[in-house]
Amino acid sequence: MARLVGINHVALEVGDLERALAFYGNVFELGPITREPGMAFIDMGDQFLALSQGRSGQPDRDRHFGLVVDDKPGARAALERAGVEVSPGRRLNLCDPWGNQVQVVDYREIQFTKTPAVLAAMGLRDLAKTPSAIAELRDKGIAVD
């Protein structure tokens, strides 16, 4: 059997590709974007978010995915400035205009990690984990500097 080792990308169906890029670019600092017909790929270091033109189904209110950011309070402020409805309290959940549910999490606070080389290439050399996130990683046998 093959072992799961991570997520390379998440693909979202959107009704309008240019509008989707504008929406996500209005609330997040986007990495390089590559394109092919009907698709846009937003670079996130060693992963990417794929946007696919054409919504074939109704929004799914039960599924979501998590986007990792370097500044969750900054993301909340940008979303609120853009008029995007977000969940109150500690969690930061939103729906894009096509009903894709997104949970925004702060890199510093979760057990997800990127290599120093990937962080450096993204210009995020000084992004440090919180003590609780370091403890979670160490509990799994993952050494964190």
Protein backbone atom coordinates (compact mmCIF):
# COMPACT_ATOMS: atom_id res chain seq x y z
CA MET A 1 0.00 0.00 0.00
CA ALA A 2 1.07 3.57 -0.62
CA ARG A 3 1.36 5.86 2.39
CA LEU A 4 -0.23 9.31 2.41
CA VAL A 5 2.51 11.94 2.73
CA GLY A 6 0.71 15.24 2.17
CA ILE A 7 -1.44 17.37 -0.04
CA ASN A 8 0.08 18.74 -3.22
CA HIS A 9 -2.89 20.90 -4.11
CA VAL A 10 -6.55 21.64 -3.59
CA ALA A 11 -8.76 22.27 -6.63
CA LEU A 12 -11.82 24.50 -6.48
CA GLU A 13 -14.54 24.99 -9.07
CA VAL A 14 -15.35 28.66 -9.56
CA GLY A 15 -17.92 30.33 -11.77
CA ASP A 16 -15.55 32.95 -13.17
CA LEU A 17 -11.77 32.50 -13.13
CA GLU A 18 -10.85 36.19 -13.30
CA ARG A 19 -13.35 37.08 -10.59
CA ALA A 20 -12.00 34.26 -8.43
CA LEU A 21 -8.42 35.50 -8.81
CA ALA A 22 -9.62 39.00 -7.93
CA PHE A 23 -11.51 37.69 -4.87
CA TYR A 24 -8.59 35.68 -3.50
CA GLY A 25 -6.08 38.38 -4.47
CA ASN A 26 -8.13 41.02 -2.67
CA VAL A 27 -7.86 39.20 0.67
CA PHE A 28 -4.60 37.22 0.44
CA GLU A 29 -1.16 38.04 -0.91
CA LEU A 30 -0.93 35.56 -3.75
CA GLY A 31 2.22 33.82 -4.92
CA PRO A 32 3.02 33.42 -8.60
CA ILE A 33 0.07 32.35 -10.76
CA THR A 34 0.39 30.04 -13.72
CA ARG A 35 -2.40 29.32 -16.15
CA GLU A 36 -3.70 26.92 -18.69
CA PRO A 37 -7.05 27.11 -20.48
CA GLY A 38 -9.80 27.25 -17.86
CA MET A 39 -7.39 26.90 -14.92
CA ALA A 40 -5.24 29.09 -12.69
CA PHE A 41 -2.68 27.73 -10.24
CA ILE A 42 -1.77 29.87 -7.24
CA ASP A 43 1.69 28.97 -5.95
CA MET A 44 2.12 28.35 -2.20
CA GLY A 45 5.77 27.28 -2.13
CA ASP A 46 5.72 23.51 -2.48
CA GLN A 47 1.92 23.35 -2.87
CA PHE A 48 -0.71 25.18 -4.91
CA LEU A 49 -4.35 26.14 -5.05
CA ALA A 50 -5.96 25.25 -8.39
CA LEU A 51 -8.94 27.26 -9.57
CA SER A 52 -11.05 25.63 -12.26
CA GLN A 53 -13.45 27.64 -14.44
CA GLY A 54 -17.00 26.35 -14.38
CA ARG A 55 -19.12 25.39 -11.44
CA SER A 56 -20.88 22.08 -12.10
CA GLY A 57 -22.69 21.59 -8.81
CA GLN A 58 -24.31 23.36 -5.93
CA PRO A 59 -22.14 24.67 -3.09
CA ASP A 60 -21.28 21.99 -0.56
CA ARG A 61 -21.99 23.33 2.91
CA ASP A 62 -20.42 20.37 4.73
CA ARG A 63 -16.93 20.27 3.20
CA HIS A 64 -14.11 22.73 3.68
CA PHE A 65 -10.36 22.99 3.41
CA GLY A 66 -7.81 24.96 5.40
CA LEU A 67 -5.58 27.68 4.00
CA VAL A 68 -2.44 28.36 6.03
CA VAL A 69 -1.40 32.00 6.35
CA ASP A 70 1.44 33.84 8.04
CA ASP A 71 -0.89 36.38 9.70
CA LYS A 72 -4.39 35.23 10.66
CA PRO A 73 -5.43 38.57 12.25
CA GLY A 74 -4.27 40.31 9.07
CA ALA A 75 -6.31 37.87 6.98
CA ARG A 76 -9.41 38.53 9.10
CA ALA A 77 -8.95 42.29 8.72
CA ALA A 78 -8.52 41.99 4.92
CA LEU A 79 -11.61 39.79 4.62
CA GLU A 80 -13.69 42.19 6.71
CA ARG A 81 -12.45 45.20 4.65
CA ALA A 82 -13.50 43.32 1.52
CA GLY A 83 -16.97 42.77 2.96
CA VAL A 84 -16.56 39.00 3.19
CA GLU A 85 -18.68 37.44 5.92
CA VAL A 86 -16.45 35.54 8.34
CA SER A 87 -17.19 33.47 11.41
CA PRO A 88 -16.95 35.27 14.74
CA GLY A 89 -14.60 34.16 17.48
CA ARG A 90 -11.36 32.20 17.33
CA ARG A 91 -12.02 30.33 14.09
CA LEU A 92 -11.78 32.11 10.76
CA ASN A 93 -14.19 30.51 8.31
CA LEU A 94 -15.56 31.99 5.11
CA CYS A 95 -17.24 31.09 1.83
CA ASP A 96 -15.97 32.35 -1.49
CA PRO A 97 -18.54 33.65 -4.01
CA TRP A 98 -19.08 30.09 -5.35
CA GLY A 99 -19.75 28.52 -1.96
CA ASN A 100 -16.33 26.96 -1.44
CA GLN A 101 -15.84 26.87 2.32
CA VAL A 102 -12.42 27.90 3.58
CA GLN A 103 -10.95 27.81 7.06
CA VAL A 104 -7.97 30.12 7.54
CA VAL A 105 -5.32 28.96 10.02
CA ASP A 106 -2.10 30.58 11.21
CA TYR A 107 1.13 28.74 10.32
CA ARG A 108 2.62 29.58 13.72
CA GLU A 109 -0.21 27.86 15.62
CA ILE A 110 -0.58 24.50 13.87
CA GLN A 111 1.42 21.31 13.44
CA PHE A 112 1.74 21.80 9.66
CA THR A 113 5.32 22.72 8.74
CA LYS A 114 7.37 23.63 5.70
CA THR A 115 11.09 23.06 5.29
CA PRO A 116 13.42 26.00 5.95
CA ALA A 117 14.29 26.01 2.24
CA VAL A 118 10.64 26.39 1.20
CA LEU A 119 10.03 29.11 3.81
CA ALA A 120 13.13 30.98 2.63
CA ALA A 121 12.02 30.75 -1.01
CA MET A 122 8.66 32.21 0.04
CA GLY A 123 10.35 35.07 1.93
CA LEU A 124 9.15 33.72 5.28
CA ARG A 125 12.45 32.92 7.02
CA ASP A 126 11.38 34.35 10.38
CA LEU A 127 8.03 32.59 10.69
CA ALA A 128 8.32 30.83 14.07
CA LYS A 129 5.99 28.26 15.62
CA THR A 130 4.22 28.85 18.94
CA PRO A 131 5.29 26.66 21.88
CA SER A 132 2.05 24.66 21.64
CA ALA A 133 2.59 23.94 17.93
CA ILE A 134 6.19 22.91 18.65
CA ALA A 135 4.93 20.57 21.38
CA GLU A 136 2.41 19.00 18.98
CA LEU A 137 5.14 18.41 16.42
CA ARG A 138 7.57 16.99 18.99
CA ASP A 139 4.84 14.65 20.32
CA LYS A 140 4.79 13.16 16.82
CA GLY A 141 8.56 12.82 16.76
CA ILE A 142 9.09 15.79 14.45
CA ALA A 143 12.06 17.91 15.47
CA VAL A 144 11.54 21.65 15.12
CA ASP A 145 14.32 24.21 15.40
